[in-house]
Protein backbone atom coordinates (compact mmCIF):
# COMPACT_ATOMS: atom_id res chain seq x y z
CA MET A 1 -6.51 0.81 13.56
CA ILE A 2 -9.86 -1.01 13.34
CA HIS A 3 -12.77 0.48 15.27
CA GLN A 4 -16.17 -0.78 16.39
CA TYR A 5 -19.27 0.60 14.73
CA ARG A 6 -22.50 0.31 16.58
CA HIS A 7 -24.82 3.02 15.22
CA PRO A 8 -27.11 2.71 12.20
CA ILE A 9 -25.35 3.33 8.91
CA TYR A 10 -27.18 6.64 8.45
CA SER A 11 -25.66 8.08 11.61
CA LEU A 12 -23.43 11.01 10.77
CA LYS A 13 -21.02 10.60 13.72
CA ARG A 14 -19.20 7.61 15.20
CA ARG A 15 -16.51 7.44 17.78
CA GLN A 16 -16.30 4.00 19.37
CA LEU A 17 -13.75 1.65 20.92
CA PRO A 18 -11.42 -0.48 18.80
CA LEU A 19 -12.72 -3.88 17.55
CA MET A 20 -10.53 -6.45 15.80
CA LEU A 21 -12.12 -8.22 12.81
CA PRO A 22 -12.91 -11.78 13.90
CA LEU A 23 -11.71 -14.48 11.41
CA SER A 24 -15.21 -16.03 11.43
CA LEU A 25 -16.68 -12.83 9.99
CA LEU A 26 -14.46 -13.20 6.88
CA LEU A 27 -16.82 -16.07 5.91
CA ALA A 28 -19.97 -14.04 6.52
CA VAL A 29 -22.40 -14.42 3.63
CA ARG A 30 -25.56 -12.41 3.00
CA ALA A 31 -27.74 -12.75 -0.05
CA VAL A 32 -28.14 -9.37 -1.77
CA SER A 33 -29.98 -8.81 -4.99
CA ALA A 34 -29.02 -6.58 -7.90
CA PHE A 35 -31.24 -4.98 -10.45
CA TYR A 36 -30.38 -5.67 -14.02
CA THR A 37 -28.92 -2.69 -15.80
CA PRO A 38 -28.44 -2.99 -19.60
CA VAL A 39 -24.86 -2.91 -20.73
CA GLY A 40 -25.74 -0.16 -23.16
CA ALA A 41 -27.01 2.14 -20.43
CA SER A 42 -25.77 5.71 -20.58
CA ARG A 43 -22.37 6.31 -18.95
CA LYS A 44 -21.16 9.22 -16.85
CA THR A 45 -17.63 10.62 -16.92
CA HIS A 46 -15.19 9.67 -14.14
CA HIS A 47 -15.72 13.10 -12.53
CA GLN A 48 -19.48 12.84 -12.27
CA HIS A 49 -21.00 11.45 -9.15
CA VAL A 50 -23.43 8.50 -9.26
CA HIS A 51 -25.91 9.37 -6.54
CA VAL A 52 -27.20 6.91 -3.95
CA PRO A 53 -31.02 6.79 -4.35
CA SER A 54 -31.74 8.36 -0.99
CA PRO A 55 -32.10 11.89 0.25
CA SER A 56 -30.27 11.14 3.54
CA ALA A 57 -26.55 11.28 4.06
CA LEU A 58 -26.49 7.48 4.09
CA SER A 59 -29.37 5.14 4.02
CA PRO A 60 -29.69 1.38 4.67
CA PRO A 61 -29.71 -0.55 1.38
CA THR A 62 -32.88 -2.08 0.08
CA ARG A 63 -32.37 -5.87 -0.21
CA VAL A 64 -34.53 -8.30 -2.17
CA ARG A 65 -33.61 -11.98 -2.17
CA THR A 66 -33.03 -13.60 -5.55
CA ALA A 67 -31.52 -16.85 -6.67
CA THR A 68 -27.77 -16.74 -7.36
CA THR A 69 -25.39 -19.15 -9.02
CA ARG A 70 -23.12 -19.48 -6.00
CA THR A 71 -23.94 -19.04 -2.32
CA THR A 72 -20.82 -16.76 -1.90
CA SER A 73 -22.07 -14.41 -4.64
CA PRO A 74 -22.06 -10.79 -3.57
CA CYS A 75 -24.70 -9.98 -6.14
CA THR A 76 -25.60 -10.64 -9.76
CA THR A 77 -23.18 -8.76 -12.03
CA LEU A 78 -24.41 -6.01 -14.35
CA TYR A 79 -22.76 -8.03 -17.18
CA SER A 80 -24.76 -11.22 -16.67
CA GLN A 81 -26.66 -10.73 -19.96
CA THR A 82 -23.45 -10.21 -22.03
CA THR A 83 -21.58 -12.93 -23.88
CA ASP A 84 -19.10 -11.01 -26.06
CA ASN A 85 -15.70 -9.84 -24.91
CA ASN A 86 -15.80 -12.50 -22.20
CA LEU A 87 -12.49 -11.70 -20.56
CA ILE A 88 -11.20 -8.44 -19.22
CA ASP A 89 -8.80 -6.50 -21.44
CA ILE A 90 -5.71 -6.05 -19.33
CA SER A 91 -3.67 -4.21 -21.94
CA GLU A 92 -1.99 -1.16 -20.54
CA TYR A 93 -4.19 1.40 -22.32
CA ALA A 94 -7.54 -0.33 -21.75
CA SER A 95 -10.01 2.03 -19.99
CA ARG A 96 -11.05 1.56 -16.41
CA ASP A 97 -14.87 1.27 -16.08
CA THR A 98 -15.58 2.86 -12.77
CA ASP A 99 -19.08 3.90 -13.77
CA TYR A 100 -20.33 0.35 -13.89
CA LEU A 101 -18.26 -0.40 -10.79
CA GLN A 102 -20.41 2.12 -8.88
CA GLN A 103 -23.72 0.97 -10.29
CA TRP A 104 -22.79 -2.69 -9.38
CA ALA A 105 -21.66 -1.62 -5.94
CA TYR A 106 -24.82 0.27 -5.16
CA ASN A 107 -26.93 -2.64 -6.33
CA CYS A 108 -24.93 -4.83 -4.00
CA GLY A 109 -25.73 -2.64 -0.99
CA VAL A 110 -22.86 -0.23 -0.97
CA GLN A 111 -23.71 3.22 0.39
CA THR A 112 -21.79 6.47 0.11
CA ASP A 113 -21.95 10.02 1.30
CA PRO A 114 -23.52 12.20 -1.43
CA GLY A 115 -20.19 14.01 -1.82
CA PHE A 116 -18.18 10.87 -2.40
CA GLN A 117 -16.95 10.46 -5.95
CA PHE A 118 -14.12 9.13 -8.09
CA THR A 119 -11.86 11.48 -10.03
CA SER A 120 -8.62 11.40 -12.00
CA ASP A 121 -5.85 13.84 -12.76
CA ASP A 122 -4.29 11.95 -15.59
CA GLY A 123 -7.06 10.91 -17.96
CA GLY A 124 -8.25 7.92 -16.06
CA TYR A 125 -5.09 5.90 -15.31
CA ASP A 126 -5.02 6.79 -11.64
CA ILE A 127 -8.54 7.08 -10.26
CA TYR A 128 -9.11 7.94 -6.61
CA ALA A 129 -11.80 8.91 -4.14
CA MET A 130 -12.57 12.55 -3.28
CA THR A 131 -15.37 14.65 -1.93
CA GLN A 132 -17.31 17.32 -3.77
CA THR A 133 -18.99 18.57 -0.55
CA ASP A 134 -17.71 19.54 2.91
CA ILE A 135 -17.69 16.54 5.25
CA PRO A 136 -17.27 16.96 9.00
CA ALA A 137 -14.95 14.71 11.05
CA GLY A 138 -16.42 11.51 12.24
CA SER A 139 -18.79 11.12 9.29
CA CYS A 140 -19.40 7.76 7.63
CA ILE A 141 -18.65 8.16 3.95
CA LEU A 142 -18.70 4.60 2.69
CA TYR A 143 -20.34 1.33 3.64
CA VAL A 144 -19.40 -2.05 1.93
CA PRO A 145 -21.27 -5.25 2.90
CA SER A 146 -18.92 -8.08 4.02
CA ASN A 147 -20.24 -10.43 1.36
CA MET A 148 -18.54 -8.29 -1.30
CA PHE A 149 -15.10 -8.91 0.27
CA LEU A 150 -12.52 -11.12 -1.45
CA THR A 151 -10.53 -12.88 1.38
CA SER A 152 -7.78 -15.38 1.56
CA TYR A 153 -9.78 -17.32 4.12
CA ASN A 154 -12.80 -17.64 1.82
CA ALA A 155 -10.54 -18.62 -1.09
CA ARG A 156 -9.03 -21.39 0.93
CA GLN A 157 -12.51 -22.59 1.90
CA GLU A 158 -13.69 -22.42 -1.70
CA PHE A 159 -10.79 -24.20 -3.38
CA GLY A 160 -9.60 -26.38 -0.51
CA GLN A 161 -6.13 -26.46 0.97
CA MET A 162 -3.47 -26.45 -1.72
CA GLU A 163 -0.98 -28.63 0.16
CA GLU A 164 1.69 -28.94 -2.51
CA SER A 165 1.59 -25.21 -3.33
CA GLU A 166 1.83 -24.43 0.41
CA LYS A 167 4.73 -26.78 0.81
CA LEU A 168 6.62 -24.94 -1.99
CA ILE A 169 5.84 -21.46 -0.77
CA GLY A 170 6.59 -22.55 2.79
CA SER A 171 10.03 -23.72 1.76
CA LEU A 172 10.75 -20.51 -0.14
CA ALA A 173 9.16 -17.80 1.92
CA GLY A 174 7.40 -19.27 4.92
CA SER A 175 3.72 -19.58 5.78
CA ASP A 176 3.21 -15.83 5.95
CA GLN A 177 2.84 -15.83 2.18
CA PHE A 178 -0.02 -18.34 2.13
CA PRO A 179 -2.79 -15.72 2.34
CA LEU A 180 -1.22 -13.75 -0.50
CA PHE A 181 -1.16 -16.91 -2.66
CA TYR A 182 -4.83 -17.79 -1.98
CA LEU A 183 -5.99 -14.28 -2.91
CA PHE A 184 -3.79 -14.40 -6.04
CA LEU A 185 -5.43 -17.71 -6.91
CA LYS A 186 -8.90 -16.31 -6.27
CA ILE A 187 -8.38 -13.32 -8.60
CA LEU A 188 -7.06 -15.64 -11.36
CA VAL A 189 -10.13 -17.84 -11.10
CA GLU A 190 -12.43 -14.84 -11.20
CA TYR A 191 -10.54 -13.48 -14.25
CA GLU A 192 -11.07 -16.80 -16.08
CA ARG A 193 -14.78 -16.69 -15.30
CA GLY A 194 -14.97 -13.49 -17.33
CA VAL A 195 -18.38 -11.85 -17.38
CA ASN A 196 -19.74 -14.72 -15.27
CA SER A 197 -17.62 -13.60 -12.32
CA ASP A 198 -19.53 -11.98 -9.56
CA TRP A 199 -16.68 -9.45 -9.35
CA TYR A 200 -16.42 -8.69 -13.04
CA PRO A 201 -17.39 -4.97 -12.70
CA TRP A 202 -14.74 -4.54 -9.97
CA LEU A 203 -12.05 -6.32 -11.98
CA ASN A 204 -12.87 -4.26 -15.06
CA SER A 205 -12.39 -1.07 -13.01
CA LEU A 206 -8.87 -1.82 -11.91
CA PRO A 207 -5.70 -0.18 -13.07
CA ARG A 208 -3.96 -1.80 -16.02
CA ILE A 209 -0.58 -0.27 -15.45
CA PHE A 210 1.47 -1.05 -12.37
CA ASN A 211 4.95 0.27 -11.58
CA SER A 212 5.73 -1.76 -8.50
CA GLY A 213 8.87 -3.86 -7.94
CA ALA A 214 7.08 -6.92 -9.26
CA ALA A 215 6.40 -5.15 -12.53
CA MET A 216 9.99 -4.11 -13.12
CA THR A 217 12.65 -5.82 -15.16
CA PRO A 218 15.97 -7.04 -13.62
CA SER A 219 17.60 -4.21 -15.53
CA CYS A 220 15.46 -1.70 -13.57
CA TYR A 221 16.85 -2.88 -10.30
CA ASP A 222 20.35 -1.95 -11.51
CA CYS A 223 19.23 1.76 -11.56
CA LEU A 224 17.95 1.83 -8.01
CA PRO A 225 19.88 2.57 -4.84
CA PRO A 226 20.49 -0.49 -2.61
CA LEU A 227 17.54 -0.23 -0.24
CA ALA A 228 15.01 0.53 -2.94
CA ALA A 229 16.41 -2.26 -5.11
CA LYS A 230 16.19 -4.65 -2.18
CA PHE A 231 12.48 -3.85 -1.63
CA CYS A 232 11.68 -4.11 -5.29
CA MET A 233 13.39 -7.48 -5.70
CA GLU A 234 11.56 -8.78 -2.63
CA GLU A 235 8.33 -7.94 -4.43
CA ARG A 236 9.51 -9.83 -7.51
CA VAL A 237 10.43 -12.83 -5.39
CA ARG A 238 6.94 -12.92 -3.83
CA TYR A 239 5.46 -12.86 -7.32
CA ILE A 240 7.72 -15.64 -8.54
CA ASN A 241 6.78 -17.71 -5.54
CA CYS A 242 3.04 -17.39 -6.34
CA LYS A 243 3.60 -18.11 -9.99
CA GLN A 244 5.70 -21.28 -9.26
CA ALA A 245 3.07 -22.54 -6.79
CA LEU A 246 0.53 -22.55 -9.63
CA LYS A 247 2.07 -25.69 -11.14
CA PHE A 248 0.38 -27.69 -8.44
CA VAL A 249 -3.06 -26.14 -9.07
CA ASP A 250 -5.58 -27.64 -11.42
CA ILE A 251 -8.41 -25.03 -11.16
CA VAL A 252 -6.77 -22.53 -13.49
CA SER A 253 -5.91 -23.28 -17.17
CA GLU A 254 -2.44 -24.04 -18.50
CA GLU A 255 -2.83 -21.05 -20.80
CA THR A 256 -3.33 -18.76 -17.79
CA LYS A 257 -0.36 -20.32 -15.95
CA LYS A 258 1.90 -19.37 -18.88
CA ASP A 259 0.61 -15.84 -19.36
CA GLU A 260 3.25 -13.76 -17.70
CA GLU A 261 1.56 -10.43 -18.24
CA LEU A 262 -1.67 -11.71 -16.74
CA LEU A 263 0.05 -13.29 -13.73
CA LYS A 264 1.93 -10.05 -12.99
CA TRP A 265 -1.22 -8.03 -13.31
CA VAL A 266 -3.12 -10.27 -10.92
CA PHE A 267 -0.31 -10.28 -8.44
CA ASN A 268 -0.10 -6.47 -8.50
CA VAL A 269 -3.87 -6.23 -8.06
CA VAL A 270 -3.64 -8.34 -4.91
CA GLU A 271 -0.50 -6.76 -3.46
CA THR A 272 -1.58 -3.15 -4.04
CA ARG A 273 -5.19 -3.51 -2.94
CA CYS A 274 -5.29 -6.03 -0.11
CA LEU A 275 -5.43 -5.31 3.62
CA GLU A 276 -4.48 -7.43 6.53
CA ALA A 277 -7.60 -8.60 8.39
CA GLY A 278 -6.36 -7.38 11.72
CA ASP A 279 -7.03 -10.61 13.57
CA GLY A 280 -3.39 -11.40 14.08
CA GLY A 281 -3.52 -14.43 11.70
CA GLY A 282 -2.17 -12.66 8.60
CA GLU A 283 -5.30 -13.23 6.53
CA ARG A 284 -5.77 -10.80 3.68
CA ILE A 285 -8.92 -9.09 2.32
CA ILE A 286 -9.79 -6.96 -0.64
CA ILE A 287 -12.76 -4.61 -0.23
CA PRO A 288 -14.15 -3.33 -3.56
CA MET A 289 -14.83 0.50 -3.49
CA ALA A 290 -12.74 0.81 -0.26
CA ASP A 291 -9.67 0.10 -2.34
CA MET A 292 -10.02 3.42 -4.12
CA PHE A 293 -8.53 5.57 -1.43
CA ASN A 294 -4.98 6.82 -2.12
CA HIS A 295 -2.29 6.92 0.55
CA GLY A 296 -1.43 9.98 2.54
CA SER A 297 1.76 10.17 4.62
CA SER A 298 1.57 13.79 5.72
CA GLY A 299 -2.01 13.34 6.83
CA HIS A 300 -5.04 11.24 5.92
CA GLU A 301 -8.74 12.03 5.82
CA VAL A 302 -10.31 8.59 6.35
CA GLU A 303 -9.89 5.35 8.17
CA ILE A 304 -11.35 1.87 7.44
CA SER A 305 -13.26 0.10 10.23
CA TYR A 306 -15.68 -2.79 10.58
CA ASP A 307 -19.11 -3.15 12.12
CA GLU A 308 -20.24 -6.05 14.24
CA GLU A 309 -21.23 -8.04 11.17
CA GLY A 310 -17.83 -7.56 9.64
CA SER A 311 -18.92 -5.10 6.97
CA CYS A 312 -16.72 -2.23 6.04
CA VAL A 313 -17.33 1.30 7.32
CA VAL A 314 -15.12 4.18 6.23
CA TYR A 315 -15.25 7.38 8.23
CA THR A 316 -13.58 10.75 8.15
CA THR A 317 -10.91 11.48 10.77
CA THR A 318 -10.89 15.24 10.22
CA ASP A 319 -13.07 17.93 8.65
CA VAL A 320 -12.70 17.56 4.88
CA PRO A 321 -13.44 20.55 2.65
CA ALA A 322 -15.10 20.13 -0.72
CA GLY A 323 -12.70 19.35 -3.52
CA SER A 324 -10.32 17.39 -1.32
CA PRO A 325 -8.97 13.84 -1.92
CA LEU A 326 -10.04 11.16 0.55
CA ARG A 327 -6.88 9.39 1.59
CA ARG A 328 -6.07 6.78 4.09
CA SER A 329 -2.81 5.60 5.58
CA TYR A 330 -1.49 2.31 4.14
CA GLY A 331 0.35 1.76 7.46
CA ASP A 332 2.92 3.25 9.75
CA TYR A 333 5.71 1.40 7.89
CA TYR A 334 5.12 3.54 4.82
CA LEU A 335 4.96 6.87 6.68
CA THR A 336 8.76 7.21 6.77
CA ASN A 337 9.76 4.80 3.97
CA PRO A 338 8.86 6.12 0.54
CA SER A 339 11.22 3.55 -1.06
CA ALA A 340 9.09 0.71 0.42
CA THR A 341 5.92 2.46 -0.81
CA PHE A 342 7.46 2.76 -4.27
CA ALA A 343 8.45 -0.94 -4.35
CA ARG A 344 5.02 -2.30 -3.29
CA TYR A 345 2.54 0.25 -4.65
CA GLY A 346 4.53 1.67 -7.55
CA PHE A 347 4.18 5.41 -6.84
CA ILE A 348 6.43 8.09 -5.42
CA ASP A 349 5.01 9.48 -2.16
CA GLU A 350 6.02 13.08 -2.40
CA THR A 351 3.90 13.87 0.71
CA CYS A 352 6.22 11.81 2.87
CA PRO A 353 7.83 14.25 5.29
CA SER A 354 10.92 12.06 5.93
CA THR A 355 12.88 9.16 4.65
CA PHE A 356 15.25 6.53 6.04
CA CYS A 357 18.78 7.87 6.04
CA LYS A 358 19.97 4.90 3.84
CA ILE A 359 22.81 3.97 6.11
CA MET A 360 22.99 0.25 5.30
CA ASP A 361 26.58 -0.79 6.32
CA ILE A 362 25.85 -1.20 10.06
CA ILE A 363 25.68 -4.68 11.48
CA PRO A 364 22.51 -4.79 13.59
CA SER A 365 22.63 -5.62 17.28
CA THR A 366 20.12 -5.54 20.12
CA GLU A 367 21.77 -2.42 21.55
CA LEU A 368 21.68 -0.57 18.23
CA ARG A 369 18.03 -1.45 17.70
CA ASN A 370 17.23 -0.16 21.20
CA ILE A 371 18.77 3.21 20.55
CA GLY A 372 17.16 3.71 17.14
CA LEU A 373 18.55 1.45 14.37
CA SER A 374 15.34 1.13 12.26
CA PHE A 375 13.83 2.39 9.05
CA SER A 376 11.27 4.39 10.99
CA ARG A 377 13.59 6.22 13.38
CA MET A 378 16.85 7.01 11.45
CA LEU A 379 15.34 9.75 9.32
CA PHE A 380 16.24 12.60 7.07
CA TYR A 381 13.52 15.26 6.81
CA LYS A 382 12.56 16.13 3.22
CA ASP A 383 11.68 19.86 3.53
CA THR A 384 14.17 21.03 6.16
CA GLY A 385 17.17 18.75 5.80
CA GLU A 386 17.13 18.01 9.54
CA VAL A 387 18.54 14.73 10.80
CA SER A 388 16.76 12.71 13.49
CA GLU A 389 18.43 12.21 16.89
CA GLU A 390 18.60 8.46 16.33
CA VAL A 391 20.97 8.97 13.41
CA TYR A 392 23.44 10.72 15.59
CA ASP A 393 23.03 8.18 18.37
CA VAL A 394 23.66 5.23 16.16
CA LEU A 395 26.68 6.79 14.46
CA LEU A 396 28.20 7.76 17.79
CA TYR A 397 27.71 4.25 19.14
CA GLN A 398 29.54 2.91 16.07
CA ILE A 399 32.33 5.40 16.58
CA LEU A 400 32.81 4.38 20.22
CA SER A 401 32.90 0.82 19.05
CA GLU A 402 35.61 1.62 16.54
CA HIS A 403 37.64 3.28 19.31
CA SER A 404 37.33 0.03 21.31
CA ASN A 405 36.16 2.11 24.25
CA ARG A 406 33.77 -0.35 25.83
CA GLN A 407 33.23 1.69 28.97
CA ALA A 408 32.36 4.79 27.05
CA GLN A 409 30.08 2.82 24.78
CA GLU A 410 28.18 1.30 27.70
CA GLU A 411 27.90 4.73 29.41
CA PHE A 412 26.49 6.30 26.29
CA TYR A 413 24.10 3.39 25.66
CA ASN A 414 22.77 3.61 29.24
CA ALA A 415 22.34 7.35 28.82
CA CYS A 416 20.23 6.80 25.71
CA ILE A 417 18.10 4.10 27.37
CA THR A 418 17.53 5.84 30.66
CA GLY A 419 17.00 9.32 29.16
CA ASP A 420 20.07 10.86 30.84
CA ALA A 421 20.16 13.83 28.43
CA GLU A 422 23.03 15.59 30.19
CA LEU A 423 25.42 12.61 29.87
CA LYS A 424 24.25 11.81 26.38
CA ASN A 425 24.80 15.40 25.14
CA ALA A 426 28.21 15.49 26.77
CA TYR A 427 29.33 12.49 24.69
CA HIS A 428 27.81 14.03 21.57
CA GLN A 429 29.69 17.28 22.12
CA GLN A 430 32.94 15.39 22.72
CA TYR A 431 32.68 13.33 19.53
CA LEU A 432 30.72 15.80 17.33
CA PRO A 433 33.49 16.34 14.79
CA GLU A 434 33.86 12.62 14.15
CA THR A 435 30.09 12.11 14.02
CA ILE A 436 29.57 14.95 11.52
CA ALA A 437 32.46 13.73 9.40
CA LYS A 438 31.03 10.29 9.31
CA LEU A 439 27.54 11.63 8.40
CA LYS A 440 28.94 13.95 5.71
CA ALA A 441 30.95 11.05 4.16
CA HIS A 442 27.77 8.99 3.93
CA VAL A 443 25.68 11.80 2.40
CA ASP A 444 28.35 12.75 -0.17
CA LYS A 445 28.94 9.13 -1.14
CA PHE A 446 25.22 8.47 -1.55
CA ILE A 447 24.67 11.52 -3.71
CA LEU A 448 27.52 10.41 -6.01
CA GLU A 449 25.93 6.93 -6.21
CA LEU A 450 22.64 8.48 -7.28
CA ASP A 451 24.37 10.52 -9.95
CA GLU A 452 26.00 7.28 -11.28
CA LEU A 453 22.61 5.58 -11.23
CA TYR A 454 21.19 8.42 -13.37
CA LYS A 455 23.95 7.87 -15.93
CA LYS A 456 23.26 4.17 -15.94
CA ALA A 457 19.55 4.70 -16.45
CA SER A 458 20.14 7.10 -19.36
CA MET A 459 21.91 4.24 -21.23
CA LYS A 460 19.05 1.73 -20.87
CA ASN A 461 16.52 0.95 -23.51
CA LEU A 462 13.20 2.62 -22.53
CA ASP A 463 11.12 0.35 -24.69
CA GLU A 464 12.36 -2.65 -22.72
CA ASN A 465 12.37 -0.97 -19.32
CA THR A 466 9.29 1.25 -19.29
CA ARG A 467 9.48 1.95 -15.61
CA LEU A 468 12.81 3.73 -15.85
CA PRO A 469 11.38 7.27 -15.95
CA LEU A 470 9.64 6.63 -12.63
CA ILE A 471 12.78 5.10 -11.20
CA VAL A 472 14.75 8.20 -12.19
CA MET A 473 12.03 10.35 -10.51
CA HIS A 474 12.27 8.31 -7.32
CA ASN A 475 16.05 8.67 -7.25
CA GLU A 476 15.80 12.41 -7.82
CA PHE A 477 13.19 12.63 -5.00
CA VAL A 478 15.70 10.87 -2.69
CA ARG A 479 18.53 13.05 -3.95
CA GLU A 480 16.69 16.23 -3.18
CA THR A 481 16.30 15.16 0.45
CA PHE A 482 20.01 14.28 0.66
CA MET A 483 20.93 17.65 -0.84
CA ARG A 484 18.97 19.47 1.84
CA VAL A 485 20.73 17.41 4.50
CA LYS A 486 24.08 18.35 2.91
CA GLU A 487 23.12 22.02 3.06
CA GLN A 488 22.65 21.69 6.79
CA ILE A 489 25.78 19.63 7.65
CA ASP A 490 28.40 21.09 5.31
CA PRO A 491 28.61 24.49 7.14
CA LEU A 492 28.81 22.65 10.46
CA TYR A 493 31.59 20.34 9.10
CA GLU A 494 33.53 23.35 7.87
CA GLU A 495 33.13 25.16 11.23
CA LEU A 496 34.32 22.06 13.16
CA THR A 497 37.28 21.32 11.05
CA ALA A 498 38.43 24.94 11.17
CA TYR A 499 39.30 24.52 14.85
CA ARG A 500 41.49 21.57 14.35
């Protein structure tokens, strides 16, 4: 949800009404100066905080107008005096320079709470935001000026409409993918500008390794269960669409167009770090610094909002003790769908309390959707093995359909819709043995499928399929949830069949 922000940035508390981000604000431009910092300046470790030069919790940035090379420039980069190593090293083991990212960001007008810092648990591959001080709920912890944003709208304005590219993508995926393509194109252009890019410090701070569906090989998909494989292949298709649309573009070099590793890296940067603008038009934005918050399914500490000028304001939603990560929600869709999170973002969300039950052989209908046929409602709970009510409702509706008992099916459906718990429970009691048998058959079959996928993965070449270990971890994570469900339903199945 996007909220309005009216108070000065140094206010500690903010609780205002929602405000959608107007499309016009995506083009907002403000000239902000930077102060040259030599490239050889001393560096701090990833765990050490770079302080905002202000004693207050947050202070308005000092801005001095200077000439810039482009009117859309967020600020002069810290690398403007450097000519060697012009392009970013995107090799998998290249270091992420988050120290200069922070210096650049502060020079551009970014402000943070004194406790805000970046940290890593794996030597700098995954770097995320945390706090080293206690922060109360409602505190503003990060401010990013709107002129630092990368947006699909601005990219379209800068490069002009790519009609042939749009025609191709429209025929393959529809117009919904246009914003993704324009941001993809924007990042490619900024990459080619090297140290002359206004966003070079941000680009050089990004992850080099991605494990999303777009980064996988076709052989990887063979080792995933059907739903996860579907999500991952959809990511790959989106990538291929963007790559193919480049053949109509003349603002990037032919060398870049043929660089498969670079194109995949840029696509993953966009897909894993962009947000929807929230205006209903599908425009996408990337907000440097605000893209460093990890996802939290079981609870999140921060939310992103925008002030009346379109700048980004991140505030805490709960009291956050020192030493805690600062996480946001990537969206309701990912709160109950760790396979979708894995496909798009490339990590296993072990904090997710539930997962879709993976029942994929049901033909959707309006009635089934109304009583719960969806990824977000038909759930297995990870820690307890409990099964959501909607799973039982959908299975029973299918059983009644198989019995060709149209009257009973309509009565049960109406009971679900109207909330007639007594009638609904009566049907469930009557058909409980069949429902549990159907559920048990699904769970047992899926566990066997996961075991077969493990065997298949163990026979693959790890050098050619480097994401396989993570895929195996994903499958094991799903298997553990199914095993807990099995522990719940097997005794019930045995009890019910004993009375037959």
